[in-house]
């Protein structure tokens, strides 16, 4: 589902910051989008769309946000869907028993964790993040959610960096990207 004018809003409200956090990288700064009520509201509704059935009713029990900018988007998506919000965090950030999955990065390895009791068996879950790059974080998040007995029904992202081919590692996971760069 495309929101009328969403492409223009995103082009206007997501700014490029060259050479951040290191030379050669063009960082996509979403803070102007977050500060714009119309743009932020449109993005939240568009990100929530894959969590609805054909009648428009919520079809998920939980929305997962990946650390850290994914939290900013996933929490209001959960509210829009009348669902619970679950954060997936970097290793050592959650108290209590967790499920963990480690995965490869270009420069090493990372581990993601979620509370073991974050989901009920069979919960339907929508993953939400700001950017899909190589797909490693999304794939690891899917694995850690499924380790809890929940079913991941899709991934909804603000931006897909198409040149990094992240969707190729998401076999069987429906992807909804608001824009592809």
N, C-alpha and C. Protein backbone atom coordinates (compact mmCIF):
# COMPACT_ATOMS: atom_id res chain seq x y z
N UNK A 1 0.85 -1.19 0.00
CA UNK A 1 0.00 0.00 0.00
C UNK A 1 0.89 1.24 0.00
N UNK A 2 0.72 2.08 -0.99
CA UNK A 2 1.48 3.33 -1.07
C UNK A 2 0.60 4.47 -0.57
N UNK A 3 1.15 5.32 0.27
CA UNK A 3 0.44 6.48 0.76
C UNK A 3 0.65 7.61 -0.23
N UNK A 4 -0.42 8.26 -0.59
CA UNK A 4 -0.33 9.36 -1.57
C UNK A 4 0.62 10.43 -1.05
N UNK A 5 1.63 10.76 -1.87
CA UNK A 5 2.58 11.80 -1.50
C UNK A 5 3.69 11.34 -0.57
N UNK A 6 3.68 10.06 -0.19
CA UNK A 6 4.69 9.58 0.75
C UNK A 6 6.10 9.67 0.17
N UNK A 7 6.26 9.33 -1.10
CA UNK A 7 7.59 9.41 -1.72
C UNK A 7 8.16 10.82 -1.62
N UNK A 8 7.31 11.82 -1.88
CA UNK A 8 7.75 13.21 -1.82
C UNK A 8 8.11 13.62 -0.39
N UNK A 9 7.27 13.18 0.56
CA UNK A 9 7.55 13.48 1.97
C UNK A 9 8.90 12.89 2.39
N UNK A 10 9.13 11.64 2.02
CA UNK A 10 10.38 10.99 2.40
C UNK A 10 11.58 11.68 1.75
N UNK A 11 11.45 12.03 0.49
CA UNK A 11 12.55 12.71 -0.21
C UNK A 11 12.86 14.06 0.43
N UNK A 12 11.83 14.71 0.93
CA UNK A 12 12.00 16.03 1.54
C UNK A 12 12.50 15.95 2.98
N UNK A 13 12.04 14.94 3.73
CA UNK A 13 12.26 14.90 5.17
C UNK A 13 13.38 13.96 5.64
N UNK A 14 13.98 13.21 4.73
CA UNK A 14 15.15 12.40 5.09
C UNK A 14 16.35 13.05 4.43
N UNK A 15 17.28 13.52 5.27
CA UNK A 15 18.42 14.25 4.70
C UNK A 15 19.67 13.37 4.69
N UNK A 16 20.47 13.63 3.69
CA UNK A 16 21.76 12.95 3.56
C UNK A 16 22.82 13.72 4.33
N UNK A 17 23.61 12.99 5.10
CA UNK A 17 24.74 13.57 5.84
C UNK A 17 25.99 12.85 5.34
N UNK A 18 26.75 13.53 4.45
CA UNK A 18 27.95 12.89 3.90
C UNK A 18 29.03 12.68 4.96
N UNK A 19 29.76 11.59 4.75
CA UNK A 19 30.93 11.27 5.59
C UNK A 19 30.60 11.10 7.06
N UNK A 20 29.41 10.53 7.35
CA UNK A 20 29.05 10.22 8.73
C UNK A 20 28.55 8.80 8.80
N UNK A 21 29.00 8.00 9.69
CA UNK A 21 29.91 8.27 10.81
C UNK A 21 31.38 8.18 10.43
N UNK A 22 31.63 7.88 9.14
CA UNK A 22 33.02 7.82 8.68
C UNK A 22 33.09 8.26 7.23
N UNK A 23 34.26 8.64 6.75
CA UNK A 23 34.40 9.10 5.37
C UNK A 23 33.89 8.06 4.37
N UNK A 24 33.16 8.55 3.38
CA UNK A 24 32.63 7.68 2.33
C UNK A 24 31.22 7.19 2.57
N UNK A 25 30.73 7.32 3.79
CA UNK A 25 29.38 6.88 4.13
C UNK A 25 28.44 8.07 4.03
N UNK A 26 27.27 7.85 3.41
CA UNK A 26 26.22 8.87 3.38
C UNK A 26 25.12 8.40 4.32
N UNK A 27 25.05 9.02 5.49
CA UNK A 27 24.09 8.66 6.53
C UNK A 27 22.72 9.24 6.18
N UNK A 28 21.68 8.45 6.34
CA UNK A 28 20.31 8.88 6.11
C UNK A 28 19.72 9.33 7.45
N UNK A 29 19.62 10.64 7.64
CA UNK A 29 19.15 11.23 8.90
C UNK A 29 17.63 11.36 8.86
N UNK A 30 16.95 10.64 9.76
CA UNK A 30 15.47 10.67 9.78
C UNK A 30 14.92 11.65 10.81
N UNK A 31 15.79 12.40 11.50
CA UNK A 31 15.27 13.30 12.53
C UNK A 31 14.35 14.38 11.96
N UNK A 32 14.57 14.92 10.75
CA UNK A 32 13.57 15.87 10.23
C UNK A 32 12.21 15.21 10.00
N UNK A 33 12.20 13.96 9.59
CA UNK A 33 10.95 13.21 9.41
C UNK A 33 10.23 13.03 10.74
N UNK A 34 10.98 12.67 11.76
CA UNK A 34 10.38 12.45 13.09
C UNK A 34 9.79 13.74 13.65
N UNK A 35 10.37 14.87 13.30
CA UNK A 35 9.91 16.17 13.81
C UNK A 35 8.70 16.72 13.06
N UNK A 36 8.36 16.09 11.94
CA UNK A 36 7.25 16.56 11.11
C UNK A 36 6.02 15.69 11.36
N UNK A 37 4.99 16.24 12.00
CA UNK A 37 3.82 15.45 12.38
C UNK A 37 3.18 14.75 11.19
N UNK A 38 2.96 15.47 10.10
CA UNK A 38 2.32 14.88 8.92
C UNK A 38 3.17 13.73 8.36
N UNK A 39 4.46 13.98 8.20
CA UNK A 39 5.34 12.95 7.65
C UNK A 39 5.46 11.75 8.55
N UNK A 40 5.66 11.99 9.84
CA UNK A 40 5.81 10.90 10.80
C UNK A 40 4.52 10.07 10.86
N UNK A 41 3.38 10.73 10.88
CA UNK A 41 2.09 10.02 10.93
C UNK A 41 1.90 9.16 9.68
N UNK A 42 2.22 9.70 8.51
CA UNK A 42 2.08 8.95 7.26
C UNK A 42 2.99 7.73 7.25
N UNK A 43 4.21 7.89 7.74
CA UNK A 43 5.16 6.78 7.79
C UNK A 43 4.65 5.68 8.74
N UNK A 44 4.16 6.06 9.89
CA UNK A 44 3.68 5.05 10.85
C UNK A 44 2.52 4.26 10.26
N UNK A 45 1.58 4.94 9.63
CA UNK A 45 0.45 4.24 9.00
C UNK A 45 0.92 3.32 7.89
N UNK A 46 1.87 3.77 7.08
CA UNK A 46 2.39 2.94 5.99
C UNK A 46 3.18 1.74 6.51
N UNK A 47 3.95 1.93 7.57
CA UNK A 47 4.69 0.81 8.16
C UNK A 47 3.76 -0.20 8.81
N UNK A 48 2.62 0.26 9.30
CA UNK A 48 1.65 -0.63 9.96
C UNK A 48 0.84 -1.45 8.95
N UNK A 49 0.76 -1.01 7.71
CA UNK A 49 -0.09 -1.67 6.71
C UNK A 49 0.12 -3.19 6.61
N UNK A 50 1.35 -3.70 6.62
CA UNK A 50 1.52 -5.16 6.53
C UNK A 50 1.01 -5.92 7.76
N UNK A 51 0.72 -5.20 8.82
CA UNK A 51 0.18 -5.82 10.03
C UNK A 51 -1.34 -5.84 10.07
N UNK A 52 -1.96 -5.48 8.96
CA UNK A 52 -3.42 -5.46 8.85
C UNK A 52 -3.88 -6.51 7.84
N UNK A 53 -5.10 -7.03 8.06
CA UNK A 53 -5.67 -7.95 7.08
C UNK A 53 -6.40 -7.16 5.99
N UNK A 54 -7.04 -7.87 5.08
CA UNK A 54 -7.70 -7.23 3.93
C UNK A 54 -8.79 -6.26 4.35
N UNK A 55 -9.40 -6.49 5.52
CA UNK A 55 -10.46 -5.59 6.00
C UNK A 55 -9.91 -4.36 6.72
N UNK A 56 -8.60 -4.35 6.97
CA UNK A 56 -7.98 -3.25 7.70
C UNK A 56 -7.82 -3.50 9.18
N UNK A 57 -8.29 -4.65 9.65
CA UNK A 57 -8.15 -5.01 11.07
C UNK A 57 -6.72 -5.49 11.36
N UNK A 58 -6.29 -5.29 12.57
CA UNK A 58 -4.95 -5.75 12.97
C UNK A 58 -4.86 -7.26 12.85
N UNK A 59 -3.75 -7.73 12.30
CA UNK A 59 -3.52 -9.16 12.10
C UNK A 59 -2.28 -9.64 12.84
N UNK A 60 -1.78 -8.82 13.78
CA UNK A 60 -0.60 -9.19 14.55
C UNK A 60 -0.88 -8.99 16.04
N UNK A 61 -0.15 -9.74 16.83
CA UNK A 61 -0.25 -9.63 18.29
C UNK A 61 0.83 -8.73 18.86
N UNK A 62 2.01 -8.73 18.20
CA UNK A 62 3.15 -7.96 18.69
C UNK A 62 3.87 -7.32 17.51
N UNK A 63 4.52 -6.20 17.81
CA UNK A 63 5.40 -5.52 16.86
C UNK A 63 6.77 -5.46 17.52
N UNK A 64 7.78 -5.90 16.78
CA UNK A 64 9.15 -5.91 17.27
C UNK A 64 9.93 -4.77 16.64
N UNK A 65 10.65 -4.03 17.49
CA UNK A 65 11.55 -2.99 17.02
C UNK A 65 12.98 -3.39 17.31
N UNK A 66 13.84 -3.18 16.31
CA UNK A 66 15.25 -3.51 16.47
C UNK A 66 16.01 -2.27 16.94
N UNK A 67 16.95 -2.49 17.82
CA UNK A 67 17.75 -1.40 18.38
C UNK A 67 18.49 -0.68 17.27
N UNK A 68 18.52 0.60 17.22
CA UNK A 68 17.90 1.52 18.15
C UNK A 68 16.83 2.35 17.43
N UNK A 69 17.08 2.75 16.18
CA UNK A 69 16.08 3.58 15.51
C UNK A 69 14.81 2.80 15.22
N UNK A 70 14.88 1.50 15.17
CA UNK A 70 13.68 0.69 14.99
C UNK A 70 12.70 0.87 16.13
N UNK A 71 13.20 1.16 17.34
CA UNK A 71 12.31 1.40 18.49
C UNK A 71 11.41 2.60 18.22
N UNK A 72 12.00 3.65 17.64
CA UNK A 72 11.27 4.90 17.42
C UNK A 72 10.09 4.67 16.48
N UNK A 73 10.26 3.79 15.52
CA UNK A 73 9.20 3.52 14.55
C UNK A 73 8.26 2.42 15.00
N UNK A 74 8.79 1.37 15.61
CA UNK A 74 7.97 0.21 15.95
C UNK A 74 6.98 0.48 17.07
N UNK A 75 7.35 1.29 18.05
CA UNK A 75 6.42 1.55 19.17
C UNK A 75 5.14 2.22 18.68
N UNK A 76 5.18 3.29 17.87
CA UNK A 76 3.93 3.85 17.39
C UNK A 76 3.20 2.94 16.40
N UNK A 77 3.92 2.10 15.67
CA UNK A 77 3.25 1.12 14.79
C UNK A 77 2.45 0.16 15.66
N UNK A 78 3.01 -0.29 16.77
CA UNK A 78 2.28 -1.18 17.68
C UNK A 78 1.02 -0.50 18.19
N UNK A 79 1.12 0.77 18.57
CA UNK A 79 -0.07 1.50 19.02
C UNK A 79 -1.12 1.60 17.92
N UNK A 80 -0.68 1.88 16.69
CA UNK A 80 -1.61 1.99 15.56
C UNK A 80 -2.33 0.67 15.30
N UNK A 81 -1.67 -0.44 15.59
CA UNK A 81 -2.26 -1.76 15.35
C UNK A 81 -2.97 -2.32 16.58
N UNK A 82 -2.89 -1.63 17.71
CA UNK A 82 -3.48 -2.17 18.93
C UNK A 82 -2.75 -3.42 19.40
N UNK A 83 -1.45 -3.46 19.15
CA UNK A 83 -0.63 -4.62 19.49
C UNK A 83 0.40 -4.23 20.53
N UNK A 84 1.04 -5.24 21.11
CA UNK A 84 2.13 -4.99 22.05
C UNK A 84 3.42 -4.68 21.31
N UNK A 85 4.32 -3.98 21.99
CA UNK A 85 5.65 -3.65 21.44
C UNK A 85 6.70 -4.46 22.18
N UNK A 86 7.64 -5.05 21.44
CA UNK A 86 8.73 -5.82 22.03
C UNK A 86 10.05 -5.31 21.45
N UNK A 87 10.97 -4.87 22.32
CA UNK A 87 12.29 -4.46 21.82
C UNK A 87 13.23 -5.66 21.69
N UNK A 88 13.98 -5.69 20.60
CA UNK A 88 15.08 -6.63 20.45
C UNK A 88 16.34 -5.80 20.61
N UNK A 89 17.17 -6.21 21.58
CA UNK A 89 18.30 -5.37 21.99
C UNK A 89 19.62 -6.06 21.73
N UNK A 90 20.66 -5.25 21.78
CA UNK A 90 22.02 -5.77 21.72
C UNK A 90 22.30 -6.53 23.01
N UNK A 91 23.27 -7.41 22.95
CA UNK A 91 23.61 -8.29 24.07
C UNK A 91 23.88 -7.51 25.36
N UNK A 92 23.31 -8.00 26.45
CA UNK A 92 23.57 -7.43 27.76
C UNK A 92 22.71 -6.24 28.14
N UNK A 93 21.73 -5.87 27.32
CA UNK A 93 20.90 -4.69 27.60
C UNK A 93 19.56 -5.02 28.24
N UNK A 94 19.18 -6.28 28.27
CA UNK A 94 17.89 -6.67 28.85
C UNK A 94 18.10 -7.43 30.15
N UNK A 95 17.31 -7.11 31.17
CA UNK A 95 17.40 -7.86 32.42
C UNK A 95 16.64 -9.18 32.28
N UNK A 96 16.99 -10.15 33.06
CA UNK A 96 16.24 -11.41 33.06
C UNK A 96 16.67 -12.35 31.94
N UNK A 97 16.04 -13.53 31.92
CA UNK A 97 16.40 -14.54 30.94
C UNK A 97 16.04 -14.11 29.52
N UNK A 98 16.97 -14.37 28.58
CA UNK A 98 16.76 -13.98 27.19
C UNK A 98 17.10 -15.13 26.25
N UNK A 99 16.55 -15.02 25.05
CA UNK A 99 17.02 -15.82 23.91
C UNK A 99 17.99 -14.91 23.17
N UNK A 100 19.06 -15.49 22.63
CA UNK A 100 20.07 -14.71 21.93
C UNK A 100 20.43 -15.37 20.60
N UNK A 101 20.76 -14.53 19.62
CA UNK A 101 21.25 -15.00 18.32
C UNK A 101 22.43 -14.12 17.94
N UNK A 102 23.54 -14.75 17.57
CA UNK A 102 24.70 -14.02 17.08
C UNK A 102 24.72 -14.10 15.56
N UNK A 103 25.25 -13.05 14.94
CA UNK A 103 25.30 -13.00 13.48
C UNK A 103 26.50 -12.19 13.04
N UNK A 104 26.90 -12.39 11.79
CA UNK A 104 28.09 -11.75 11.25
C UNK A 104 27.78 -10.35 10.75
N UNK A 105 28.72 -9.45 10.99
CA UNK A 105 28.71 -8.10 10.44
C UNK A 105 29.91 -7.97 9.51
N UNK A 106 29.97 -6.88 8.75
CA UNK A 106 31.12 -6.69 7.88
C UNK A 106 32.42 -6.63 8.69
N UNK A 107 32.34 -6.15 9.92
CA UNK A 107 33.54 -5.90 10.72
C UNK A 107 33.63 -6.77 11.96
N UNK A 108 32.84 -7.84 12.05
CA UNK A 108 32.89 -8.69 13.22
C UNK A 108 31.60 -9.44 13.44
N UNK A 109 31.17 -9.48 14.67
CA UNK A 109 29.96 -10.23 15.05
C UNK A 109 29.15 -9.41 16.03
N UNK A 110 27.83 -9.62 16.01
CA UNK A 110 26.93 -8.96 16.96
C UNK A 110 25.97 -10.01 17.50
N UNK A 111 25.38 -9.71 18.64
CA UNK A 111 24.39 -10.59 19.25
C UNK A 111 23.16 -9.78 19.60
N UNK A 112 22.00 -10.33 19.26
CA UNK A 112 20.72 -9.72 19.61
C UNK A 112 20.01 -10.60 20.62
N UNK A 113 19.25 -9.95 21.53
CA UNK A 113 18.52 -10.68 22.56
C UNK A 113 17.10 -10.17 22.68
N UNK A 114 16.23 -11.06 23.15
CA UNK A 114 14.85 -10.72 23.48
C UNK A 114 14.49 -11.50 24.74
N UNK A 115 13.63 -10.93 25.57
CA UNK A 115 13.19 -11.65 26.76
C UNK A 115 12.51 -12.95 26.36
N UNK A 116 12.78 -14.00 27.12
CA UNK A 116 12.20 -15.31 26.82
C UNK A 116 10.67 -15.30 26.92
N UNK A 117 10.14 -14.42 27.75
CA UNK A 117 8.68 -14.38 27.94
C UNK A 117 8.01 -13.25 27.17
N UNK A 118 8.68 -12.73 26.14
CA UNK A 118 8.14 -11.59 25.39
C UNK A 118 6.94 -11.95 24.51
N UNK A 119 6.81 -13.24 24.19
CA UNK A 119 5.75 -13.68 23.28
C UNK A 119 5.01 -14.86 23.86
N UNK A 120 3.76 -14.98 23.47
CA UNK A 120 2.99 -16.19 23.74
C UNK A 120 3.22 -17.14 22.56
N UNK A 121 3.13 -18.42 22.80
CA UNK A 121 3.26 -19.39 21.72
C UNK A 121 2.25 -19.07 20.62
N UNK A 122 2.74 -18.96 19.38
CA UNK A 122 1.87 -18.69 18.24
C UNK A 122 1.57 -17.22 17.97
N UNK A 123 2.10 -16.30 18.79
CA UNK A 123 1.90 -14.87 18.50
C UNK A 123 2.33 -14.58 17.07
N UNK A 124 1.54 -13.74 16.40
CA UNK A 124 1.90 -13.27 15.05
C UNK A 124 2.62 -11.93 15.23
N UNK A 125 3.78 -11.81 14.59
CA UNK A 125 4.69 -10.70 14.86
C UNK A 125 5.09 -9.98 13.57
N UNK A 126 5.04 -8.65 13.62
CA UNK A 126 5.56 -7.81 12.55
C UNK A 126 6.87 -7.19 13.03
N UNK A 127 7.94 -7.35 12.24
CA UNK A 127 9.22 -6.72 12.54
C UNK A 127 9.24 -5.34 11.89
N UNK A 128 9.77 -4.34 12.60
CA UNK A 128 9.85 -2.98 12.08
C UNK A 128 11.24 -2.43 12.35
N UNK A 129 11.82 -1.80 11.31
CA UNK A 129 13.13 -1.16 11.47
C UNK A 129 13.19 0.05 10.54
N UNK A 130 14.21 0.86 10.73
CA UNK A 130 14.35 2.03 9.88
C UNK A 130 14.97 1.68 8.54
N UNK A 131 16.00 0.82 8.54
CA UNK A 131 16.73 0.52 7.31
C UNK A 131 16.96 -0.98 7.18
N UNK A 132 16.77 -1.48 5.96
CA UNK A 132 17.23 -2.82 5.62
C UNK A 132 18.49 -2.63 4.78
N UNK A 133 19.61 -3.10 5.29
CA UNK A 133 20.88 -2.98 4.57
C UNK A 133 21.27 -4.37 4.06
N UNK A 134 22.14 -5.07 4.77
CA UNK A 134 22.59 -6.40 4.33
C UNK A 134 21.62 -7.51 4.72
N UNK A 135 20.69 -7.22 5.62
CA UNK A 135 19.69 -8.19 6.04
C UNK A 135 20.08 -9.00 7.26
N UNK A 136 21.30 -8.86 7.73
CA UNK A 136 21.76 -9.66 8.87
C UNK A 136 20.98 -9.41 10.14
N UNK A 137 20.71 -8.15 10.45
CA UNK A 137 19.96 -7.83 11.67
C UNK A 137 18.54 -8.35 11.58
N UNK A 138 17.90 -8.18 10.43
CA UNK A 138 16.52 -8.66 10.26
C UNK A 138 16.46 -10.17 10.36
N UNK A 139 17.40 -10.85 9.73
CA UNK A 139 17.42 -12.31 9.78
C UNK A 139 17.65 -12.81 11.21
N UNK A 140 18.58 -12.18 11.93
CA UNK A 140 18.84 -12.58 13.33
C UNK A 140 17.62 -12.29 14.20
N UNK A 141 16.95 -11.18 13.96
CA UNK A 141 15.75 -10.85 14.73
C UNK A 141 14.66 -11.88 14.47
N UNK A 142 14.46 -12.28 13.24
CA UNK A 142 13.48 -13.30 12.93
C UNK A 142 13.80 -14.59 13.70
N UNK A 143 15.05 -14.98 13.72
CA UNK A 143 15.45 -16.21 14.41
C UNK A 143 15.19 -16.13 15.91
N UNK A 144 15.52 -15.00 16.53
CA UNK A 144 15.36 -14.90 17.98
C UNK A 144 13.87 -14.84 18.36
N UNK A 145 13.05 -14.22 17.52
CA UNK A 145 11.60 -14.18 17.77
C UNK A 145 11.01 -15.59 17.63
N UNK A 146 11.42 -16.30 16.60
CA UNK A 146 10.92 -17.66 16.39
C UNK A 146 11.38 -18.61 17.48
N UNK A 147 12.54 -18.33 18.09
CA UNK A 147 13.02 -19.15 19.21
C UNK A 147 12.07 -19.07 20.40
N UNK A 148 11.27 -18.01 20.45
CA UNK A 148 10.29 -17.83 21.52
C UNK A 148 8.95 -18.49 21.19
N UNK A 149 8.83 -19.10 20.02
CA UNK A 149 7.59 -19.75 19.64
C UNK A 149 6.61 -18.86 18.90
N UNK A 150 7.05 -17.67 18.50
CA UNK A 150 6.18 -16.75 17.77
C UNK A 150 6.40 -16.91 16.26
N UNK A 151 5.45 -16.41 15.48
CA UNK A 151 5.50 -16.48 14.02
C UNK A 151 5.72 -15.08 13.46
N UNK A 152 6.79 -14.90 12.71
CA UNK A 152 7.07 -13.62 12.07
C UNK A 152 6.32 -13.58 10.74
N UNK A 153 5.41 -12.60 10.59
CA UNK A 153 4.60 -12.53 9.38
C UNK A 153 5.16 -11.56 8.34
N UNK A 154 6.14 -10.73 8.73
CA UNK A 154 6.73 -9.82 7.76
C UNK A 154 7.66 -8.83 8.39
N UNK A 155 8.35 -8.10 7.52
CA UNK A 155 9.27 -7.04 7.92
C UNK A 155 8.84 -5.77 7.21
N UNK A 156 8.67 -4.70 7.97
CA UNK A 156 8.29 -3.40 7.43
C UNK A 156 9.40 -2.42 7.76
N UNK A 157 9.98 -1.78 6.71
CA UNK A 157 11.09 -0.86 6.91
C UNK A 157 10.82 0.47 6.23
N UNK A 158 11.39 1.51 6.78
CA UNK A 158 11.30 2.83 6.19
C UNK A 158 12.09 2.88 4.88
N UNK A 159 13.34 2.41 4.91
CA UNK A 159 14.22 2.46 3.74
C UNK A 159 14.90 1.13 3.51
N UNK A 160 14.97 0.74 2.25
CA UNK A 160 15.77 -0.41 1.85
C UNK A 160 16.95 0.10 1.04
N UNK A 161 18.15 -0.28 1.41
CA UNK A 161 19.33 0.05 0.64
C UNK A 161 19.52 -1.07 -0.38
N UNK A 162 18.85 -0.92 -1.52
CA UNK A 162 18.76 -1.98 -2.52
C UNK A 162 20.10 -2.47 -3.02
N UNK A 163 21.09 -1.59 -3.09
CA UNK A 163 22.41 -1.95 -3.60
C UNK A 163 23.15 -2.92 -2.68
N UNK A 164 22.67 -3.13 -1.45
CA UNK A 164 23.30 -4.08 -0.52
C UNK A 164 22.63 -5.45 -0.55
N UNK A 165 21.52 -5.57 -1.29
CA UNK A 165 20.86 -6.86 -1.52
C UNK A 165 20.41 -7.58 -0.25
N UNK A 166 20.00 -6.83 0.76
CA UNK A 166 19.55 -7.43 2.01
C UNK A 166 18.35 -8.32 1.87
N UNK A 167 17.46 -8.01 0.93
CA UNK A 167 16.25 -8.83 0.77
C UNK A 167 16.60 -10.26 0.35
N UNK A 168 17.77 -10.46 -0.24
CA UNK A 168 18.16 -11.79 -0.69
C UNK A 168 18.35 -12.78 0.45
N UNK A 169 18.68 -12.31 1.65
CA UNK A 169 18.86 -13.22 2.79
C UNK A 169 17.56 -13.45 3.56
N UNK A 170 16.51 -12.73 3.19
CA UNK A 170 15.23 -12.84 3.90
C UNK A 170 14.31 -13.84 3.22
N UNK A 171 14.80 -15.03 2.98
CA UNK A 171 14.01 -16.04 2.29
C UNK A 171 12.74 -16.35 3.08
N UNK A 172 11.62 -16.23 2.40
CA UNK A 172 10.33 -16.55 3.01
C UNK A 172 9.75 -15.47 3.90
N UNK A 173 10.45 -14.36 4.06
CA UNK A 173 9.94 -13.27 4.92
C UNK A 173 9.47 -12.12 4.03
N UNK A 174 8.16 -11.86 4.00
CA UNK A 174 7.66 -10.74 3.20
C UNK A 174 8.26 -9.41 3.66
N UNK A 175 8.72 -8.63 2.69
CA UNK A 175 9.34 -7.34 2.96
C UNK A 175 8.47 -6.22 2.42
N UNK A 176 8.24 -5.20 3.27
CA UNK A 176 7.50 -4.01 2.87
C UNK A 176 8.42 -2.83 3.15
N UNK A 177 8.97 -2.23 2.08
CA UNK A 177 9.86 -1.08 2.21
C UNK A 177 9.14 0.15 1.67
N UNK A 178 9.14 1.24 2.46
CA UNK A 178 8.47 2.44 2.01
C UNK A 178 9.22 3.13 0.88
N UNK A 179 10.53 2.99 0.86
CA UNK A 179 11.34 3.52 -0.24
C UNK A 179 12.59 2.67 -0.38
N UNK A 180 13.07 2.57 -1.61
CA UNK A 180 14.30 1.82 -1.90
C UNK A 180 15.31 2.80 -2.49
N UNK A 181 16.49 2.78 -1.90
CA UNK A 181 17.56 3.68 -2.33
C UNK A 181 18.66 2.87 -3.01
